[in-house]
C-alpha cells in the first residue's frame, strides 16, 4: 500500500524557518496534484499548500507569502519551505495526493513545534 514518508520537522523559535520533505513511491506522482496538510491537537486536518502537476501552486490566506511548496518529479518528492513560523503553525504535517481519495493512506507525518 502506498504511504508517503514525511521528514524534516523539528522545533524552531517564532520567526524561524523549516523545510520539510515528503517522499512517495508507487504513485505516478508526476501526474498527481500534491498537497501538504497539517493537524494540530484538537483540530481538524487542514490543507496548507497545493502544487498541481503543471507546477501551479495555491495556498490558504493564513500561510500565503510564508510557505512555499515545490516538487521534484524525478525523486517523487514534495517539499514545503516554511518561513516566518508562528506558534499557530505548530502541528503534525502530512502530504498526500489531492484530492485525497478514500483508499489513500496517510503517513506518520512530521511534527513541527514553534515555541520560544
Protein backbone atom coordinates (compact mmCIF):
# COMPACT_ATOMS: atom_id res chain seq x y z
CA UNK A 1 0.00 0.00 0.00
CA UNK A 2 1.38 3.37 -0.97
CA UNK A 3 2.27 5.51 2.02
CA UNK A 4 4.07 8.84 1.93
CA UNK A 5 7.04 9.39 4.24
CA UNK A 6 7.38 12.85 5.72
CA UNK A 7 10.56 14.17 7.31
CA UNK A 8 12.38 17.31 8.36
CA UNK A 9 10.21 18.57 11.18
CA UNK A 10 11.59 19.93 14.41
CA UNK A 11 11.47 22.74 16.91
CA UNK A 12 12.02 26.36 15.97
CA UNK A 13 11.53 29.75 17.53
CA UNK A 14 8.86 32.13 16.28
CA UNK A 15 10.00 33.77 13.09
CA UNK A 16 12.16 30.80 12.17
CA UNK A 17 12.14 28.58 9.09
CA UNK A 18 11.98 24.89 8.32
CA UNK A 19 11.94 22.83 5.17
CA UNK A 20 10.07 19.56 5.30
CA UNK A 21 10.03 16.79 2.73
CA UNK A 22 7.70 14.04 1.66
CA UNK A 23 8.90 11.03 -0.30
CA UNK A 24 6.43 8.85 -2.15
CA UNK A 25 6.57 5.61 -4.08
CA UNK A 26 4.12 3.65 -6.12
CA UNK A 27 2.20 6.66 -7.33
CA UNK A 28 2.58 8.03 -10.82
CA UNK A 29 3.44 11.27 -8.97
CA UNK A 30 4.26 13.47 -11.95
CA UNK A 31 0.60 13.49 -12.98
CA UNK A 32 -0.69 13.85 -9.41
CA UNK A 33 -1.59 17.08 -7.71
CA UNK A 34 0.10 17.05 -4.31
CA UNK A 35 -0.80 18.77 -1.09
CA UNK A 36 0.65 19.48 2.32
CA UNK A 37 -1.73 19.24 5.23
CA UNK A 38 -1.41 19.77 8.95
CA UNK A 39 -3.24 18.76 12.07
CA UNK A 40 -2.86 20.47 15.42
CA UNK A 41 -4.08 18.85 18.66
CA UNK A 42 -7.84 19.05 18.93
CA UNK A 43 -8.24 20.45 15.43
CA UNK A 44 -9.20 19.01 12.10
CA UNK A 45 -6.62 18.34 9.44
CA UNK A 46 -6.32 21.29 7.07
CA UNK A 47 -4.59 21.82 3.76
CA UNK A 48 -1.77 24.37 3.78
CA UNK A 49 -0.37 24.11 0.25
CA UNK A 50 -1.13 22.58 -3.11
CA UNK A 51 1.07 22.02 -6.13
CA UNK A 52 -0.53 20.77 -9.28
CA UNK A 53 1.02 18.58 -11.93
CA UNK A 54 1.51 21.70 -14.05
CA UNK A 55 3.53 23.23 -11.16
CA UNK A 56 0.97 25.90 -10.33
CA UNK A 57 0.52 26.41 -6.60
CA UNK A 58 -2.10 27.66 -4.21
CA UNK A 59 -2.18 28.47 -0.51
CA UNK A 60 -4.78 29.45 2.03
CA UNK A 61 -4.57 33.01 3.30
CA UNK A 62 -3.10 32.02 6.66
CA UNK A 63 0.16 30.78 5.07
CA UNK A 64 0.20 32.81 1.84
CA UNK A 65 3.55 34.57 1.49
CA UNK A 66 5.22 32.43 4.17
CA UNK A 67 5.06 28.86 2.84
CA UNK A 68 6.38 27.63 -0.49
CA UNK A 69 5.58 24.21 -1.91
CA UNK A 70 7.75 22.58 -4.56
CA UNK A 71 8.23 19.17 -6.10
CA UNK A 72 10.89 17.00 -7.69
CA UNK A 73 9.19 14.57 -10.02
CA UNK A 74 12.37 12.56 -10.61
CA UNK A 75 12.62 11.90 -6.86
CA UNK A 76 8.85 11.65 -6.37
CA UNK A 77 9.28 14.09 -3.51
CA UNK A 78 7.38 17.19 -2.48
CA UNK A 79 8.80 19.90 -0.24
CA UNK A 80 7.42 22.64 1.94
CA UNK A 81 9.57 25.63 2.82
CA UNK A 82 8.07 27.36 5.83
CA UNK A 83 9.20 30.86 6.75
CA UNK A 84 8.02 33.29 9.38
CA UNK A 85 6.73 30.45 11.54
CA UNK A 86 4.49 31.31 14.45
CA UNK A 87 3.09 29.35 17.35
CA UNK A 88 -0.15 28.68 15.44
CA UNK A 89 1.86 26.76 12.83
CA UNK A 90 2.72 24.05 15.37
CA UNK A 91 1.20 20.80 14.13
CA UNK A 92 1.95 17.46 12.56
CA UNK A 93 2.44 17.98 8.84
CA UNK A 94 1.42 15.41 6.24
CA UNK A 95 1.49 15.19 2.49
CA UNK A 96 -0.83 13.35 0.18
CA UNK A 97 -2.29 13.41 -3.25
CA UNK A 98 -5.02 15.94 -3.85
CA UNK A 99 -7.83 15.28 -3.74
CA UNK A 100 -7.27 12.57 -1.15
CA UNK A 101 -9.24 9.52 -2.26
CA UNK A 102 -10.94 7.10 0.15
CA UNK A 103 -8.30 4.41 -0.44
CA UNK A 104 -5.27 6.68 0.02
CA UNK A 105 -3.11 6.15 3.09
CA UNK A 106 -1.64 8.82 5.32
CA UNK A 107 1.96 8.69 6.50
CA UNK A 108 3.20 9.23 10.04
CA UNK A 109 3.67 12.92 9.44
CA UNK A 110 6.44 15.15 10.69
CA UNK A 111 6.00 17.28 13.79
CA UNK A 112 6.70 21.00 13.72
CA UNK A 113 6.86 22.84 17.03
CA UNK A 114 7.16 26.60 17.19
CA UNK A 115 7.89 27.99 20.63
CA UNK A 116 10.11 30.47 22.37
